[in-house]
């Protein structure tokens, strides 16, 4: 249970990335969920410098005093996040892609968990949803958490930057590179709704293709309940507080 003292603290800066027009239909919902989180003291939204739809997308949310807009040229995701990290004012950073949705109380739960475990990074488990936000499956999340679920110390991100030259996979490269250098913990709660949509930049990766296949089958009425039930059962069986090292990543740091 979240303590009142912890819940009253606004120690977290949220970095929302929405660099392409593909995030336009979803950004308001993503931002609303972030602003509703009790521990958020600053929100940085990263958009392309030619963006002309941000204000209409955010509507009344644009007037929240915690909100800051960071415009920049189109560039790889790691470089975008690195630029936003330079503007962070608080002790913790929580990332969110502009088409994902945080579940209620996400960072408050993770902050308690970080204090309990002495962690530098706390990841959380996630649902898989379709483009409309309908939950279709439980993801296992045994090896690495989605960046939209990360809560990480600001000083860690300032010391260990993303590789800005990678067009995709900068989060995975960062995860492997920081192995042994920081303490990572898995909060085995569903705190993120990860939206699977066609045409996203990350859909070219094997992991995202697998997610797309799961959502595809789960979208069919005849398979919907089966996929949801089976994925829930597998998630229950694999829930734990530590992330596993995938053999394809090579040798693990000591």
Protein backbone atom coordinates (compact mmCIF):
# COMPACT_ATOMS: atom_id res chain seq x y z
CA UNK A 1 0.00 0.00 0.00
CA UNK A 2 1.33 3.42 -0.92
CA UNK A 3 2.12 5.51 2.13
CA UNK A 4 0.65 9.01 2.32
CA UNK A 5 4.06 10.63 2.73
CA UNK A 6 5.46 8.84 -0.32
CA UNK A 7 2.35 9.59 -2.38
CA UNK A 8 2.58 13.31 -1.62
CA UNK A 9 6.11 13.59 -3.03
CA UNK A 10 6.59 14.78 -6.59
CA UNK A 11 10.08 13.40 -7.15
CA UNK A 12 9.67 12.18 -10.72
CA UNK A 13 10.18 13.77 -14.12
CA UNK A 14 8.27 12.07 -16.90
CA UNK A 15 9.78 12.12 -20.40
CA UNK A 16 7.17 11.52 -23.10
CA UNK A 17 8.43 11.00 -26.65
CA UNK A 18 6.06 11.81 -29.52
CA UNK A 19 8.36 12.57 -32.44
CA UNK A 20 6.14 11.29 -35.26
CA UNK A 21 2.59 11.95 -36.46
CA UNK A 22 1.76 8.38 -35.50
CA UNK A 23 1.50 9.39 -31.84
CA UNK A 24 -1.04 12.14 -32.53
CA UNK A 25 -4.22 10.09 -31.84
CA UNK A 26 -2.81 8.73 -28.57
CA UNK A 27 -0.76 11.52 -26.99
CA UNK A 28 -3.58 13.10 -25.01
CA UNK A 29 -4.42 9.82 -23.26
CA UNK A 30 -0.75 9.13 -22.55
CA UNK A 31 -0.22 12.62 -21.14
CA UNK A 32 -3.39 12.51 -19.04
CA UNK A 33 -2.28 9.27 -17.40
CA UNK A 34 1.16 10.72 -16.67
CA UNK A 35 -0.25 13.94 -15.19
CA UNK A 36 -2.63 11.93 -13.00
CA UNK A 37 0.26 10.07 -11.39
CA UNK A 38 0.76 11.41 -7.84
CA UNK A 39 4.56 11.53 -7.95
CA UNK A 40 5.02 13.52 -11.17
CA UNK A 41 6.54 16.96 -10.67
CA UNK A 42 7.68 17.67 -14.23
CA UNK A 43 6.60 16.41 -17.66
CA UNK A 44 8.80 16.88 -20.72
CA UNK A 45 7.11 16.14 -24.04
CA UNK A 46 9.56 15.64 -26.92
CA UNK A 47 8.18 16.51 -30.35
CA UNK A 48 9.58 17.24 -33.79
CA UNK A 49 10.40 20.89 -34.43
CA UNK A 50 7.90 21.01 -37.32
CA UNK A 51 5.06 19.65 -35.16
CA UNK A 52 1.80 21.54 -35.77
CA UNK A 53 -0.71 19.36 -33.91
CA UNK A 54 0.55 19.28 -30.32
CA UNK A 55 -1.73 21.98 -28.89
CA UNK A 56 -4.86 20.58 -30.51
CA UNK A 57 -3.96 17.09 -29.32
CA UNK A 58 -3.35 18.10 -25.70
CA UNK A 59 -6.28 20.49 -25.39
CA UNK A 60 -6.72 21.74 -21.82
CA UNK A 61 -3.85 19.54 -20.60
CA UNK A 62 -1.43 21.99 -22.24
CA UNK A 63 -2.10 24.45 -19.39
CA UNK A 64 -0.74 22.18 -16.66
CA UNK A 65 2.23 24.05 -15.08
CA UNK A 66 4.28 20.87 -14.88
CA UNK A 67 4.30 20.52 -18.65
CA UNK A 68 7.33 21.51 -20.76
CA UNK A 69 7.63 21.11 -24.53
CA UNK A 70 10.99 20.21 -26.04
CA UNK A 71 11.13 20.57 -29.83
CA UNK A 72 14.00 19.14 -31.84
CA UNK A 73 14.86 17.77 -35.30
CA UNK A 74 13.96 14.18 -36.05
CA UNK A 75 16.66 11.94 -34.62
CA UNK A 76 17.08 8.43 -33.16
CA UNK A 77 15.10 7.68 -29.96
CA UNK A 78 18.21 7.44 -27.79
CA UNK A 79 19.37 10.90 -28.81
CA UNK A 80 15.88 12.32 -28.18
CA UNK A 81 15.81 10.90 -24.66
CA UNK A 82 19.36 12.11 -23.98
CA UNK A 83 18.35 15.68 -24.83
CA UNK A 84 15.36 15.47 -22.52
CA UNK A 85 17.50 14.09 -19.69
CA UNK A 86 19.48 17.35 -19.76
CA UNK A 87 16.27 19.22 -18.78
CA UNK A 88 15.28 16.98 -15.85
CA UNK A 89 14.72 18.70 -12.51
CA UNK A 90 13.91 15.77 -10.22
CA UNK A 91 15.68 12.78 -8.69
CA UNK A 92 13.89 10.14 -10.76
CA UNK A 93 12.99 9.76 -14.44
CA UNK A 94 10.06 7.81 -15.87
CA UNK A 95 9.90 7.34 -19.62
CA UNK A 96 6.71 6.99 -21.65
CA UNK A 97 6.23 6.63 -25.38
CA UNK A 98 3.47 8.86 -26.68
CA UNK A 99 1.21 5.95 -27.58
CA UNK A 100 1.48 4.00 -24.30
CA UNK A 101 -0.64 4.38 -21.16
CA UNK A 102 0.49 4.18 -17.55
CA UNK A 103 -1.78 2.37 -15.13
CA UNK A 104 -3.03 4.18 -12.04
CA UNK A 105 -0.36 5.04 -9.46
CA UNK A 106 2.49 3.63 -11.55
CA UNK A 107 5.47 5.66 -10.36
CA UNK A 108 4.17 5.89 -6.79
CA UNK A 109 4.18 2.09 -6.60
CA UNK A 110 7.63 1.93 -8.19
CA UNK A 111 9.11 4.55 -5.87
CA UNK A 112 8.05 2.52 -2.85
CA UNK A 113 9.51 -0.55 -4.50
CA UNK A 114 12.79 1.22 -5.32
CA UNK A 115 13.19 2.30 -1.70
CA UNK A 116 12.33 -1.19 -0.45
CA UNK A 117 14.86 -2.91 -2.74
CA UNK A 118 17.53 -0.19 -2.96
CA UNK A 119 17.21 -0.21 -6.74
CA UNK A 120 18.51 2.29 -9.30
CA UNK A 121 15.96 1.15 -11.88
CA UNK A 122 12.55 -0.40 -11.38
CA UNK A 123 10.76 -1.86 -14.37
CA UNK A 124 7.16 -3.02 -14.38
CA UNK A 125 5.12 -5.61 -16.23
CA UNK A 126 2.76 -4.63 -19.03
CA UNK A 127 -0.42 -5.51 -20.85
CA UNK A 128 -0.56 -5.76 -24.61
CA UNK A 129 -3.36 -3.70 -26.15
CA UNK A 130 -4.61 -3.07 -29.65
CA UNK A 131 -4.54 0.37 -31.29
CA UNK A 132 -7.77 1.27 -29.47
CA UNK A 133 -6.29 0.51 -26.06
CA UNK A 134 -8.21 -2.73 -25.46
CA UNK A 135 -6.25 -5.16 -23.27
CA UNK A 136 -5.71 -8.40 -25.18
CA UNK A 137 -2.87 -10.20 -23.40
CA UNK A 138 -0.44 -10.24 -20.49
CA UNK A 139 3.22 -9.88 -21.46
CA UNK A 140 5.78 -11.99 -19.61
CA UNK A 141 8.56 -9.39 -19.31
CA UNK A 142 11.13 -11.84 -17.96
CA UNK A 143 14.27 -10.39 -19.56
CA UNK A 144 13.83 -6.66 -20.06
CA UNK A 145 11.07 -4.19 -19.31
CA UNK A 146 9.58 -1.79 -21.82
CA UNK A 147 11.15 1.69 -21.51
CA UNK A 148 7.67 3.14 -20.92
CA UNK A 149 7.67 1.21 -17.64
CA UNK A 150 11.10 2.34 -16.41
CA UNK A 151 11.60 4.37 -13.27
CA UNK A 152 15.31 5.17 -12.99
CA UNK A 153 17.48 7.49 -10.93
CA UNK A 154 18.33 10.68 -12.80
CA UNK A 155 22.00 10.47 -11.83
CA UNK A 156 22.14 7.01 -13.42
CA UNK A 157 20.75 8.28 -16.72
CA UNK A 158 23.12 11.24 -16.65
CA UNK A 159 26.09 8.91 -16.22
CA UNK A 160 24.90 6.15 -18.55
CA UNK A 161 23.45 7.79 -21.67
CA UNK A 162 21.60 6.05 -24.47
CA UNK A 163 23.51 5.31 -27.63
CA UNK A 164 22.16 8.10 -29.80
CA UNK A 165 23.45 6.60 -33.04
CA UNK A 166 21.12 3.58 -33.00
CA UNK A 167 17.93 3.95 -35.06
CA UNK A 168 16.25 1.16 -33.06
CA UNK A 169 17.15 -0.88 -30.01
CA UNK A 170 18.92 1.80 -27.97
CA UNK A 171 16.99 0.66 -24.88
CA UNK A 172 18.17 -2.94 -25.28
CA UNK A 173 21.76 -1.86 -25.90
CA UNK A 174 21.59 0.33 -22.78
CA UNK A 175 20.14 -2.52 -20.74
CA UNK A 176 22.99 -4.86 -21.64
CA UNK A 177 25.70 -2.20 -21.33
CA UNK A 178 24.64 -1.26 -17.79
CA UNK A 179 24.52 -4.86 -16.59
CA UNK A 180 26.42 -5.03 -13.32
CA UNK A 181 26.82 -1.25 -13.12
CA UNK A 182 23.41 -0.46 -11.63
CA UNK A 183 20.84 -2.38 -9.62
CA UNK A 184 17.70 -3.24 -11.59
CA UNK A 185 14.56 -4.73 -10.12
CA UNK A 186 11.35 -6.02 -11.60
CA UNK A 187 8.11 -4.88 -10.00
CA UNK A 188 5.88 -7.79 -11.04
CA UNK A 189 2.71 -5.74 -11.35
CA UNK A 190 0.87 -4.69 -14.49
CA UNK A 191 1.58 -0.95 -14.51
CA UNK A 192 1.67 -0.23 -18.25
CA UNK A 193 -0.64 -0.66 -21.23
CA UNK A 194 1.65 -1.15 -24.21
CA UNK A 195 -0.11 -0.25 -27.43
CA UNK A 196 0.71 -2.49 -30.39
CA UNK A 197 0.06 -0.61 -33.62
CA UNK A 198 1.00 -1.21 -37.20
CA UNK A 199 3.63 1.02 -38.75
CA UNK A 200 5.50 2.05 -35.61
CA UNK A 201 9.29 2.39 -35.86
CA UNK A 202 9.86 -0.35 -33.28
CA UNK A 203 7.65 -2.86 -35.11
CA UNK A 204 10.66 -3.96 -37.17
CA UNK A 205 12.30 -5.66 -34.17
CA UNK A 206 11.71 -9.39 -33.51
CA UNK A 207 10.25 -8.69 -30.07
CA UNK A 208 7.71 -6.23 -31.44
CA UNK A 209 6.81 -8.58 -34.30
CA UNK A 210 6.01 -11.28 -31.73
CA UNK A 211 3.81 -8.87 -29.83
CA UNK A 212 2.03 -7.93 -33.04
CA UNK A 213 1.32 -11.60 -33.75
CA UNK A 214 -0.13 -12.11 -30.26
CA UNK A 215 -2.37 -9.08 -30.62
CA UNK A 216 -3.41 -10.18 -34.09
CA UNK A 217 -4.66 -13.55 -32.86
CA UNK A 218 -6.14 -12.10 -29.68
CA UNK A 219 -8.14 -9.62 -31.77
CA UNK A 220 -10.14 -12.49 -33.27
CA UNK A 221 -13.26 -13.18 -31.18
CA UNK A 222 -12.79 -16.94 -31.33
CA UNK A 223 -9.27 -16.69 -29.82
CA UNK A 224 -9.63 -13.61 -27.61
CA UNK A 225 -10.48 -15.25 -24.29
CA UNK A 226 -8.03 -18.10 -24.85
CA UNK A 227 -5.08 -15.78 -25.49
CA UNK A 228 -5.96 -13.62 -22.50
CA UNK A 229 -6.36 -16.62 -20.18
CA UNK A 230 -3.24 -18.46 -21.35
CA UNK A 231 -1.06 -15.34 -21.20
CA UNK A 232 -2.37 -14.58 -17.69
CA UNK A 233 -1.48 -18.10 -16.57
CA UNK A 234 2.02 -17.90 -18.04
CA UNK A 235 2.54 -14.50 -16.43
CA UNK A 236 1.53 -15.88 -13.04
CA UNK A 237 3.99 -18.75 -13.44
CA UNK A 238 6.91 -16.49 -14.42
CA UNK A 239 6.40 -13.56 -12.03
CA UNK A 240 9.52 -12.74 -10.05
CA UNK A 241 11.42 -9.74 -8.70
CA UNK A 242 14.53 -10.08 -10.86
CA UNK A 243 15.12 -9.95 -14.60
CA UNK A 244 16.73 -12.89 -16.36
CA UNK A 245 19.70 -12.64 -18.71
CA UNK A 246 18.91 -13.77 -22.25
CA UNK A 247 21.49 -16.14 -23.74
CA UNK A 248 21.45 -14.23 -27.05
CA UNK A 249 22.99 -11.20 -25.29
CA UNK A 250 26.32 -12.99 -24.79
CA UNK A 251 28.22 -13.29 -21.51
CA UNK A 252 26.74 -11.59 -18.48
CA UNK A 253 28.86 -9.13 -16.49
CA UNK A 254 30.07 -10.39 -13.18
